[in-house]
Amino acid sequence: MCHLSFHSPVGDMTLFEEDGAIFALEWGWACSQDPSPTLLQAKEFLDAYFDGEALDHGLPLKPKGTAFQHRVWDALRQIPYGATLTYTALAERVGSHARAIGSACGNNPIPILIPCHRVLGSNGALTGYSGEGGLETKAALLMLEGASFKHQPTFAMPGITRSW
């Protein structure tokens, strides 16, 4: 298993890869580094993402989860940069219920690359986010992408210099 830690505007993060595919992205720093070409490519994409570039990453992802979670995560990857979808709308797309979608989002092992931050409550408001910083991080990612949502926070995330 290879891993690569890096600094980001939403905190230190570590990517994990096995058999040529990324299976996790976690907040925090690994004590040792073992980068692979796939991880270096993923870091380049994430650096560009945090610089405000809307790119299709095309990275090989292999998150561990149930068949249902994979259906939800595949649907999340179809939400374009800067766009949002409600839990209810996403549930309709995969033939499920909003709470089940929320659970699958909360168990997403590759946040940002599988953009669960683009899912909002039925009124367009921010709801949960399992990444470090919770709703503040979710809001920062959506603001970076220029996405609309209700209850925009009045804080700024250190390191994100883009004007809103």
Protein backbone atom coordinates (compact mmCIF):
# COMPACT_ATOMS: atom_id res chain seq x y z
CA MET A 1 0.00 0.00 0.00
CA CYS A 2 1.38 3.36 -1.05
CA HIS A 3 0.47 6.67 0.56
CA LEU A 4 1.27 10.33 0.11
CA SER A 5 0.60 13.19 2.52
CA PHE A 6 0.29 16.82 1.47
CA HIS A 7 -0.85 20.20 2.72
CA SER A 8 -4.14 21.61 1.42
CA PRO A 9 -6.23 24.70 2.19
CA VAL A 10 -8.64 22.46 4.15
CA GLY A 11 -5.94 20.74 6.20
CA ASP A 12 -3.26 18.11 5.84
CA MET A 13 -4.42 15.12 3.81
CA THR A 14 -3.12 11.66 2.93
CA LEU A 15 -3.95 9.69 -0.22
CA PHE A 16 -3.82 5.88 -0.17
CA GLU A 17 -3.33 3.63 -3.19
CA GLU A 18 -3.28 -0.10 -3.69
CA ASP A 19 -2.87 -2.06 -6.92
CA GLY A 20 -2.76 1.14 -8.99
CA ALA A 21 -6.02 2.63 -7.66
CA ILE A 22 -6.80 5.18 -4.96
CA PHE A 23 -8.93 3.70 -2.20
CA ALA A 24 -8.88 6.47 0.44
CA LEU A 25 -8.26 10.15 1.07
CA GLU A 26 -8.06 11.06 4.75
CA TRP A 27 -7.36 14.18 6.76
CA GLY A 28 -4.07 13.98 8.62
CA TRP A 29 -0.42 13.27 7.91
CA ALA A 30 1.18 9.83 7.59
CA CYS A 31 4.50 9.52 9.40
CA SER A 32 6.21 7.98 6.36
CA GLN A 33 5.73 8.60 2.66
CA ASP A 34 5.56 6.01 -0.11
CA PRO A 35 4.34 7.85 -3.22
CA SER A 36 3.42 6.10 -6.45
CA PRO A 37 2.85 7.60 -9.91
CA THR A 38 -0.92 7.38 -9.33
CA LEU A 39 -0.66 9.25 -6.03
CA LEU A 40 1.56 11.93 -7.54
CA GLN A 41 -0.99 12.37 -10.35
CA ALA A 42 -3.79 12.63 -7.77
CA LYS A 43 -1.86 15.26 -5.83
CA GLU A 44 -1.34 17.27 -9.03
CA PHE A 45 -5.08 17.13 -9.65
CA LEU A 46 -5.88 18.17 -6.08
CA ASP A 47 -3.37 21.05 -6.25
CA ALA A 48 -5.10 22.27 -9.42
CA TYR A 49 -8.52 21.76 -7.81
CA PHE A 50 -7.54 23.90 -4.81
CA ASP A 51 -6.29 26.53 -7.28
CA GLY A 52 -9.85 26.69 -8.63
CA GLU A 53 -9.41 24.64 -11.80
CA ALA A 54 -12.36 22.54 -12.94
CA LEU A 55 -10.77 19.40 -14.33
CA ASP A 56 -11.97 15.84 -14.87
CA HIS A 57 -9.46 13.84 -12.89
CA GLY A 58 -9.90 10.45 -14.58
CA LEU A 59 -7.97 8.86 -11.72
CA PRO A 60 -8.38 5.15 -11.00
CA LEU A 61 -10.53 4.94 -7.86
CA LYS A 62 -11.37 1.77 -5.96
CA PRO A 63 -13.24 2.72 -2.80
CA LYS A 64 -14.19 -0.11 -0.47
CA GLY A 65 -17.92 -0.30 0.20
CA THR A 66 -21.20 -2.05 -0.46
CA ALA A 67 -22.86 -2.33 -3.86
CA PHE A 68 -25.32 0.37 -2.82
CA GLN A 69 -22.55 2.71 -1.68
CA HIS A 70 -20.80 2.20 -5.02
CA ARG A 71 -24.01 3.16 -6.86
CA VAL A 72 -24.22 6.35 -4.81
CA TRP A 73 -20.53 7.16 -5.21
CA ASP A 74 -20.78 6.63 -8.98
CA ALA A 75 -23.75 9.03 -9.05
CA LEU A 76 -21.78 11.58 -6.99
CA ARG A 77 -19.02 11.52 -9.61
CA GLN A 78 -21.61 12.63 -12.20
CA ILE A 79 -22.30 15.91 -10.38
CA PRO A 80 -20.29 18.54 -12.28
CA TYR A 81 -17.78 20.90 -10.69
CA GLY A 82 -19.65 23.92 -9.29
CA ALA A 83 -23.03 22.16 -9.32
CA THR A 84 -25.01 20.73 -6.44
CA LEU A 85 -27.78 18.20 -6.01
CA THR A 86 -30.08 17.50 -3.09
CA TYR A 87 -30.06 14.24 -1.16
CA THR A 88 -33.63 13.66 -2.39
CA ALA A 89 -32.73 14.22 -6.05
CA LEU A 90 -29.74 11.92 -5.75
CA ALA A 91 -31.94 9.31 -4.05
CA GLU A 92 -34.34 9.44 -7.00
CA ARG A 93 -31.44 8.87 -9.39
CA VAL A 94 -30.28 5.73 -7.61
CA GLY A 95 -33.71 4.47 -6.53
CA SER A 96 -33.32 4.99 -2.81
CA HIS A 97 -34.10 7.38 0.06
CA ALA A 98 -32.41 10.59 1.17
CA ARG A 99 -31.25 9.15 4.51
CA ALA A 100 -29.54 6.23 2.77
CA ILE A 101 -27.80 8.71 0.47
CA GLY A 102 -26.61 10.66 3.51
CA SER A 103 -25.22 7.49 5.03
CA ALA A 104 -23.37 6.59 1.81
CA CYS A 105 -21.97 10.13 1.61
CA GLY A 106 -20.85 9.91 5.25
CA ASN A 107 -19.00 6.67 4.46
CA ASN A 108 -17.32 7.99 1.31
CA PRO A 109 -13.64 6.99 1.70
CA ILE A 110 -12.39 9.32 -1.06
CA PRO A 111 -13.89 12.77 -0.38
CA ILE A 112 -13.29 15.56 -2.91
CA LEU A 113 -12.38 13.03 -5.63
CA ILE A 114 -15.81 11.50 -5.04
CA PRO A 115 -17.53 14.85 -4.44
CA CYS A 116 -20.00 14.18 -1.63
CA HIS A 117 -19.62 17.86 -0.65
CA ARG A 118 -21.85 18.72 -3.64
CA VAL A 119 -24.94 17.22 -1.99
CA LEU A 120 -27.25 19.57 -0.08
CA GLY A 121 -30.40 19.43 1.97
CA SER A 122 -33.76 19.72 0.22
CA ASN A 123 -33.87 23.49 0.85
CA GLY A 124 -30.38 24.00 -0.57
CA ALA A 125 -28.79 24.28 2.87
CA LEU A 126 -25.60 22.68 4.04
CA THR A 127 -26.10 19.50 6.01
CA GLY A 128 -23.49 17.04 7.26
CA TYR A 129 -19.95 16.54 6.04
CA SER A 130 -17.68 13.83 7.43
CA GLY A 131 -14.41 15.52 6.48
CA GLU A 132 -12.30 17.35 9.02
CA GLY A 133 -13.85 20.73 9.75
CA GLY A 134 -17.36 19.46 8.97
CA LEU A 135 -19.67 22.06 7.45
CA GLU A 136 -16.94 24.72 7.32
CA THR A 137 -14.90 22.48 5.03
CA LYS A 138 -17.95 21.59 2.94
CA ALA A 139 -18.75 25.29 2.54
CA ALA A 140 -15.15 26.11 1.63
CA LEU A 141 -15.12 23.43 -1.10
CA LEU A 142 -18.44 24.64 -2.52
CA MET A 143 -17.29 28.28 -2.45
CA LEU A 144 -14.06 27.29 -4.18
CA GLU A 145 -16.17 25.75 -6.95
CA GLY A 146 -18.50 28.77 -7.10
CA ALA A 147 -21.52 26.63 -6.16
CA SER A 148 -24.66 28.15 -4.69
CA PHE A 149 -26.07 27.07 -1.35
CA LYS A 150 -28.05 28.59 1.49
CA HIS A 151 -26.61 29.96 4.69
CA GLN A 152 -23.27 30.88 3.25
CA PRO A 153 -20.85 31.17 6.17
CA THR A 154 -19.11 34.38 7.06
CA PHE A 155 -15.73 32.77 7.70
CA ALA A 156 -12.78 32.23 5.38
CA MET A 157 -10.65 29.11 5.19
CA PRO A 158 -6.93 29.84 5.56
CA GLY A 159 -5.04 29.13 2.37
CA ILE A 160 -7.99 29.56 0.00
CA THR A 161 -7.27 32.88 -1.60
CA ARG A 162 -9.87 32.88 -4.34
CA SER A 163 -12.29 35.81 -4.16
CA TRP A 164 -15.90 34.82 -3.64
